[in-house]
C-alpha atoms as a PDB file:
ATOM      1  CA  UNK A   1      -2.019  51.457 -70.485  1.00  0.00           C
ATOM      2  CA  UNK A   2      -0.965  53.693 -67.737  1.00  0.00           C
ATOM      3  CA  UNK A   3      -3.177  56.527 -68.961  1.00  0.00           C
ATOM      4  CA  UNK A   4      -6.117  54.219 -68.859  1.00  0.00           C
ATOM      5  CA  UNK A   5      -5.338  53.326 -65.269  1.00  0.00           C
ATOM      6  CA  UNK A   6      -5.097  57.005 -64.323  1.00  0.00           C
ATOM      7  CA  UNK A   7      -8.166  57.969 -65.917  1.00  0.00           C
ATOM      8  CA  UNK A   8     -10.033  54.876 -64.158  1.00  0.00           C
ATOM      9  CA  UNK A   9      -8.565  56.041 -60.813  1.00  0.00           C
ATOM     10  CA  UNK A  10      -9.865  59.670 -61.604  1.00  0.00           C
ATOM     11  CA  UNK A  11     -13.273  58.560 -62.722  1.00  0.00           C
ATOM     12  CA  UNK A  12     -13.750  56.364 -59.636  1.00  0.00           C
ATOM     13  CA  UNK A  13     -12.823  59.259 -57.285  1.00  0.00           C
ATOM     14  CA  UNK A  14     -15.204  61.707 -59.093  1.00  0.00           C
ATOM     15  CA  UNK A  15     -17.986  59.283 -58.369  1.00  0.00           C
ATOM     16  CA  UNK A  16     -17.372  59.092 -54.716  1.00  0.00           C
ATOM     17  CA  UNK A  17     -17.783  62.756 -53.649  1.00  0.00           C
ATOM     18  CA  UNK A  18     -16.468  66.177 -53.509  1.00  0.00           C
ATOM     19  CA  UNK A  19     -14.174  67.952 -51.395  1.00  0.00           C
ATOM     20  CA  UNK A  20     -15.673  71.143 -49.602  1.00  0.00           C
ATOM     21  CA  UNK A  21     -12.185  72.776 -49.609  1.00  0.00           C
ATOM     22  CA  UNK A  22     -11.444  72.402 -53.099  1.00  0.00           C
ATOM     23  CA  UNK A  23     -12.766  73.261 -56.513  1.00  0.00           C
ATOM     24  CA  UNK A  24     -15.898  71.428 -57.812  1.00  0.00           C
ATOM     25  CA  UNK A  25     -15.339  68.164 -58.991  1.00  0.00           C
ATOM     26  CA  UNK A  26     -12.410  67.281 -56.506  1.00  0.00           C
ATOM     27  CA  UNK A  27     -12.959  64.223 -54.407  1.00  0.00           C
ATOM     28  CA  UNK A  28     -12.529  62.477 -51.187  1.00  0.00           C
ATOM     29  CA  UNK A  29     -12.064  58.875 -50.295  1.00  0.00           C
ATOM     30  CA  UNK A  30     -14.727  57.111 -48.321  1.00  0.00           C
ATOM     31  CA  UNK A  31     -14.230  57.253 -44.647  1.00  0.00           C
ATOM     32  CA  UNK A  32     -16.410  54.787 -42.649  1.00  0.00           C
ATOM     33  CA  UNK A  33     -15.741  56.302 -39.081  1.00  0.00           C
ATOM     34  CA  UNK A  34     -18.230  58.701 -37.958  1.00  0.00           C
ATOM     35  CA  UNK A  35     -16.529  61.295 -35.783  1.00  0.00           C
ATOM     36  CA  UNK A  36     -19.857  62.525 -34.383  1.00  0.00           C
ATOM     37  CA  UNK A  37     -21.247  59.049 -33.258  1.00  0.00           C
ATOM     38  CA  UNK A  38     -22.916  59.162 -29.961  1.00  0.00           C
ATOM     39  CA  UNK A  39     -23.208  62.842 -29.607  1.00  0.00           C
ATOM     40  CA  UNK A  40     -26.521  64.764 -29.368  1.00  0.00           C
ATOM     41  CA  UNK A  41     -27.162  67.287 -31.921  1.00  0.00           C
ATOM     42  CA  UNK A  42     -27.070  70.924 -30.416  1.00  0.00           C
ATOM     43  CA  UNK A  43     -29.878  73.411 -30.552  1.00  0.00           C
ATOM     44  CA  UNK A  44     -30.144  75.040 -34.065  1.00  0.00           C
ATOM     45  CA  UNK A  45     -32.506  77.162 -35.878  1.00  0.00           C
ATOM     46  CA  UNK A  46     -32.184  77.001 -39.755  1.00  0.00           C
ATOM     47  CA  UNK A  47     -33.973  78.102 -42.587  1.00  0.00           C
ATOM     48  CA  UNK A  48     -35.756  75.547 -45.110  1.00  0.00           C
ATOM     49  CA  UNK A  49     -35.350  76.607 -48.743  1.00  0.00           C
ATOM     50  CA  UNK A  50     -39.006  77.746 -48.817  1.00  0.00           C
ATOM     51  CA  UNK A  51     -38.543  80.225 -45.857  1.00  0.00           C
ATOM     52  CA  UNK A  52     -39.715  78.082 -43.027  1.00  0.00           C
ATOM     53  CA  UNK A  53     -37.602  77.529 -39.961  1.00  0.00           C
ATOM     54  CA  UNK A  54     -36.622  73.920 -38.643  1.00  0.00           C
ATOM     55  CA  UNK A  55     -34.942  73.363 -35.235  1.00  0.00           C
ATOM     56  CA  UNK A  56     -33.550  70.435 -33.479  1.00  0.00           C
ATOM     57  CA  UNK A  57     -37.133  69.404 -32.492  1.00  0.00           C
ATOM     58  CA  UNK A  58     -37.478  67.998 -36.021  1.00  0.00           C
ATOM     59  CA  UNK A  59     -35.711  64.845 -34.784  1.00  0.00           C
ATOM     60  CA  UNK A  60     -38.445  63.908 -31.961  1.00  0.00           C
ATOM     61  CA  UNK A  61     -41.119  63.756 -34.802  1.00  0.00           C
ATOM     62  CA  UNK A  62     -39.350  60.854 -36.559  1.00  0.00           C
ATOM     63  CA  UNK A  63     -37.867  57.393 -35.477  1.00  0.00           C
ATOM     64  CA  UNK A  64     -34.757  58.084 -37.541  1.00  0.00           C
ATOM     65  CA  UNK A  65     -33.564  61.135 -39.528  1.00  0.00           C
ATOM     66  CA  UNK A  66     -31.007  60.878 -42.372  1.00  0.00           C
ATOM     67  CA  UNK A  67     -29.059  63.930 -42.756  1.00  0.00           C
ATOM     68  CA  UNK A  68     -27.606  64.402 -45.965  1.00  0.00           C
ATOM     69  CA  UNK A  69     -24.880  66.912 -46.340  1.00  0.00           C
ATOM     70  CA  UNK A  70     -24.419  68.308 -49.691  1.00  0.00           C
ATOM     71  CA  UNK A  71     -23.005  71.190 -51.902  1.00  0.00           C
ATOM     72  CA  UNK A  72     -24.257  72.802 -54.687  1.00  0.00           C
ATOM     73  CA  UNK A  73     -20.973  72.623 -56.619  1.00  0.00           C
ATOM     74  CA  UNK A  74     -20.958  68.735 -56.094  1.00  0.00           C
ATOM     75  CA  UNK A  75     -22.293  66.673 -59.071  1.00  0.00           C
ATOM     76  CA  UNK A  76     -22.589  63.292 -57.127  1.00  0.00           C
ATOM     77  CA  UNK A  77     -24.686  65.034 -54.638  1.00  0.00           C
ATOM     78  CA  UNK A  78     -26.922  66.403 -57.138  1.00  0.00           C
ATOM     79  CA  UNK A  79     -27.182  63.026 -59.110  1.00  0.00           C
ATOM     80  CA  UNK A  80     -28.203  61.169 -55.993  1.00  0.00           C
ATOM     81  CA  UNK A  81     -31.148  63.587 -55.164  1.00  0.00           C
ATOM     82  CA  UNK A  82     -33.680  61.682 -57.085  1.00  0.00           C
ATOM     83  CA  UNK A  83     -32.644  58.727 -55.147  1.00  0.00           C
ATOM     84  CA  UNK A  84     -33.036  60.368 -51.866  1.00  0.00           C
ATOM     85  CA  UNK A  85     -36.580  61.605 -52.802  1.00  0.00           C
ATOM     86  CA  UNK A  86     -37.373  57.929 -53.573  1.00  0.00           C
ATOM     87  CA  UNK A  87     -35.976  57.158 -50.097  1.00  0.00           C
ATOM     88  CA  UNK A  88     -38.156  59.550 -48.319  1.00  0.00           C
ATOM     89  CA  UNK A  89     -41.353  58.392 -50.211  1.00  0.00           C
ATOM     90  CA  UNK A  90     -40.450  54.659 -49.327  1.00  0.00           C
ATOM     91  CA  UNK A  91     -39.853  55.238 -45.743  1.00  0.00           C
ATOM     92  CA  UNK A  92     -42.233  58.069 -44.841  1.00  0.00           C
ATOM     93  CA  UNK A  93     -44.605  55.800 -43.110  1.00  0.00           C
ATOM     94  CA  UNK A  94     -41.980  54.096 -41.148  1.00  0.00           C
ATOM     95  CA  UNK A  95     -41.146  57.440 -39.395  1.00  0.00           C
ATOM     96  CA  UNK A  96     -38.087  58.144 -41.361  1.00  0.00           C
ATOM     97  CA  UNK A  97     -37.185  61.743 -42.494  1.00  0.00           C
ATOM     98  CA  UNK A  98     -34.469  62.766 -45.161  1.00  0.00           C
ATOM     99  CA  UNK A  99     -33.122  66.230 -44.195  1.00  0.00           C
ATOM    100  CA  UNK A 100     -30.616  67.793 -46.796  1.00  0.00           C
ATOM    101  CA  UNK A 101     -28.095  70.260 -45.289  1.00  0.00           C
ATOM    102  CA  UNK A 102     -26.752  72.688 -47.951  1.00  0.00           C
ATOM    103  CA  UNK A 103     -23.068  72.983 -46.831  1.00  0.00           C
ATOM    104  CA  UNK A 104     -22.072  75.909 -48.952  1.00  0.00           C
ATOM    105  CA  UNK A 105     -25.241  77.931 -47.865  1.00  0.00           C
ATOM    106  CA  UNK A 106     -25.953  78.907 -51.538  1.00  0.00           C
ATOM    107  CA  UNK A 107     -29.750  79.047 -51.153  1.00  0.00           C
ATOM    108  CA  UNK A 108     -30.524  80.389 -54.607  1.00  0.00           C
ATOM    109  CA  UNK A 109     -28.452  77.695 -56.386  1.00  0.00           C
ATOM    110  CA  UNK A 110     -29.978  75.037 -53.973  1.00  0.00           C
ATOM    111  CA  UNK A 111     -33.503  76.145 -54.886  1.00  0.00           C
ATOM    112  CA  UNK A 112     -32.809  75.856 -58.529  1.00  0.00           C
ATOM    113  CA  UNK A 113     -31.108  72.272 -58.032  1.00  0.00           C
ATOM    114  CA  UNK A 114     -33.962  71.062 -55.915  1.00  0.00           C
ATOM    115  CA  UNK A 115     -36.547  72.134 -58.559  1.00  0.00           C
ATOM    116  CA  UNK A 116     -34.581  70.549 -61.416  1.00  0.00           C
ATOM    117  CA  UNK A 117     -34.185  67.207 -59.676  1.00  0.00           C
ATOM    118  CA  UNK A 118     -37.833  67.166 -58.193  1.00  0.00           C
ATOM    119  CA  UNK A 119     -36.541  66.566 -54.669  1.00  0.00           C
ATOM    120  CA  UNK A 120     -39.427  67.110 -52.443  1.00  0.00           C
ATOM    121  CA  UNK A 121     -37.462  66.244 -49.087  1.00  0.00           C
ATOM    122  CA  UNK A 122     -36.704  69.011 -46.887  1.00  0.00           C
ATOM    123  CA  UNK A 123     -33.368  70.915 -47.608  1.00  0.00           C
ATOM    124  CA  UNK A 124     -32.123  73.481 -45.112  1.00  0.00           C
ATOM    125  CA  UNK A 125     -29.428  76.289 -45.123  1.00  0.00           C
ATOM    126  CA  UNK A 126     -27.515  75.626 -41.730  1.00  0.00           C
ATOM    127  CA  UNK A 127     -27.153  78.144 -39.152  1.00  0.00           C
ATOM    128  CA  UNK A 128     -23.866  78.725 -37.166  1.00  0.00           C
ATOM    129  CA  UNK A 129     -24.586  76.136 -34.617  1.00  0.00           C
ATOM    130  CA  UNK A 130     -25.432  73.304 -37.307  1.00  0.00           C
ATOM    131  CA  UNK A 131     -22.444  74.483 -39.272  1.00  0.00           C
ATOM    132  CA  UNK A 132     -19.980  74.248 -36.567  1.00  0.00           C
ATOM    133  CA  UNK A 133     -21.199  71.125 -34.988  1.00  0.00           C
ATOM    134  CA  UNK A 134     -22.186  69.030 -37.955  1.00  0.00           C
ATOM    135  CA  UNK A 135     -21.091  70.289 -41.212  1.00  0.00           C
ATOM    136  CA  UNK A 136     -17.417  71.159 -40.261  1.00  0.00           C
ATOM    137  CA  UNK A 137     -16.814  67.540 -39.072  1.00  0.00           C
ATOM    138  CA  UNK A 138     -16.575  66.431 -42.700  1.00  0.00           C
ATOM    139  CA  UNK A 139     -14.484  67.896 -45.377  1.00  0.00           C
ATOM    140  CA  UNK A 140     -16.231  66.307 -48.252  1.00  0.00           C
ATOM    141  CA  UNK A 141     -19.774  65.937 -49.606  1.00  0.00           C
ATOM    142  CA  UNK A 142     -22.113  64.228 -50.091  1.00  0.00           C
ATOM    143  CA  UNK A 143     -22.097  62.530 -46.593  1.00  0.00           C
ATOM    144  CA  UNK A 144     -25.059  61.185 -44.657  1.00  0.00           C
ATOM    145  CA  UNK A 145     -25.415  60.670 -40.895  1.00  0.00           C
ATOM    146  CA  UNK A 146     -28.328  59.411 -38.891  1.00  0.00           C
ATOM    147  CA  UNK A 147     -29.974  60.570 -35.934  1.00  0.00           C
ATOM    148  CA  UNK A 148     -32.462  58.946 -33.685  1.00  0.00           C
ATOM    149  CA  UNK A 149     -35.792  60.679 -32.167  1.00  0.00           C
ATOM    150  CA  UNK A 150     -33.716  61.926 -29.190  1.00  0.00           C
ATOM    151  CA  UNK A 151     -31.468  63.630 -31.339  1.00  0.00           C
ATOM    152  CA  UNK A 152     -28.488  61.224 -30.768  1.00  0.00           C
ATOM    153  CA  UNK A 153     -26.027  60.793 -33.841  1.00  0.00           C
ATOM    154  CA  UNK A 154     -25.849  57.172 -34.544  1.00  0.00           C
ATOM    155  CA  UNK A 155     -22.468  55.494 -35.658  1.00  0.00           C
ATOM    156  CA  UNK A 156     -23.578  54.790 -39.246  1.00  0.00           C
ATOM    157  CA  UNK A 157     -22.251  56.886 -41.921  1.00  0.00           C
ATOM    158  CA  UNK A 158     -22.527  56.869 -45.794  1.00  0.00           C
ATOM    159  CA  UNK A 159     -19.592  58.700 -47.375  1.00  0.00           C
ATOM    160  CA  UNK A 160     -19.963  59.669 -51.166  1.00  0.00           C
ATOM    161  CA  UNK A 161     -23.286  59.198 -53.290  1.00  0.00           C
ATOM    162  CA  UNK A 162     -25.392  56.059 -52.902  1.00  0.00           C
ATOM    163  CA  UNK A 163     -28.505  54.760 -54.370  1.00  0.00           C
ATOM    164  CA  UNK A 164     -31.951  53.780 -53.223  1.00  0.00           C
ATOM    165  CA  UNK A 165     -30.928  50.034 -52.496  1.00  0.00           C
ATOM    166  CA  UNK A 166     -27.814  51.261 -50.740  1.00  0.00           C
ATOM    167  CA  UNK A 167     -29.536  53.638 -48.535  1.00  0.00           C
ATOM    168  CA  UNK A 168     -32.370  51.306 -47.890  1.00  0.00           C
ATOM    169  CA  UNK A 169     -30.027  48.481 -46.546  1.00  0.00           C
ATOM    170  CA  UNK A 170     -28.553  50.990 -44.098  1.00  0.00           C
ATOM    171  CA  UNK A 171     -32.138  52.431 -42.898  1.00  0.00           C
ATOM    172  CA  UNK A 172     -33.407  48.921 -42.583  1.00  0.00           C
ATOM    173  CA  UNK A 173     -30.698  47.991 -40.470  1.00  0.00           C
ATOM    174  CA  UNK A 174     -30.734  50.952 -38.147  1.00  0.00           C
ATOM    175  CA  UNK A 175     -34.672  50.610 -37.745  1.00  0.00           C
ATOM    176  CA  UNK A 176     -34.121  47.262 -36.643  1.00  0.00           C
ATOM    177  CA  UNK A 177     -31.439  48.002 -34.157  1.00  0.00           C
ATOM    178  CA  UNK A 178     -33.177  50.954 -32.807  1.00  0.00           C
ATOM    179  CA  UNK A 179     -36.210  48.974 -32.258  1.00  0.00           C
ATOM    180  CA  UNK A 180     -34.314  46.248 -30.524  1.00  0.00           C
ATOM    181  CA  UNK A 181     -32.615  48.938 -28.412  1.00  0.00           C
ATOM    182  CA  UNK A 182     -35.958  50.341 -27.259  1.00  0.00           C
ATOM    183  CA  UNK A 183     -37.053  46.902 -26.416  1.00  0.00           C
ATOM    184  CA  UNK A 184     -33.930  46.319 -24.222  1.00  0.00           C
ATOM    185  CA  UNK A 185     -34.428  49.992 -22.821  1.00  0.00           C
ATOM    186  CA  UNK A 186     -30.889  49.796 -21.694  1.00  0.00           C
ATOM    187  CA  UNK A 187     -28.202  52.518 -21.666  1.00  0.00           C
ATOM    188  CA  UNK A 188     -27.423  53.829 -25.353  1.00  0.00           C
ATOM    189  CA  UNK A 189     -24.219  55.560 -24.677  1.00  0.00           C
ATOM    190  CA  UNK A 190     -25.333  59.153 -25.241  1.00  0.00           C
ATOM    191  CA  UNK A 191     -22.640  61.673 -25.169  1.00  0.00           C
ATOM    192  CA  UNK A 192     -23.806  65.375 -24.601  1.00  0.00           C
ATOM    193  CA  UNK A 193     -22.484  67.735 -27.121  1.00  0.00           C
ATOM    194  CA  UNK A 194     -19.682  69.971 -26.229  1.00  0.00           C
ATOM    195  CA  UNK A 195     -18.782  73.065 -28.408  1.00  0.00           C
ATOM    196  CA  UNK A 196     -16.083  72.468 -31.042  1.00  0.00           C
END
């Protein structure tokens, strides 16, 4: 009975996510607090897996951007990629962008994984600015944070892998609150980024 309990706990942890600092398959517990909430994403220039360059200007083109931080060694990250692709297709006309950030910077493996999963949303290799300001704030993957059109990081965070329905609930709530905030035209509590 004890072995069954231990096996169940280990399986649950494996389904949650992978720790960045440990071997593939190691896990991290869900953490609902977003340490970056209210900050503005700093300037960056990162390469898309196809060789194009993307900068912080990408946020201005969309009402909401979901940054999904993932690693090529993380099976839950890879398993959720078709869900993220479906999410991009579902919300594209609503001005929502899915942006994958390959935290281990393994472009060759990332290209292979993206091809195998059919993920058509943009995936980038972070530059030093993005790595230091965003990726290092989390010691596990996958983790998804949300950025508004001004580049401000919202308080919502999704720790661990999720599915289309779960992500849709978060995005619907954020789109609704962002449209309410725009209607109020009040102070949104932006914090200017400071170097870590």
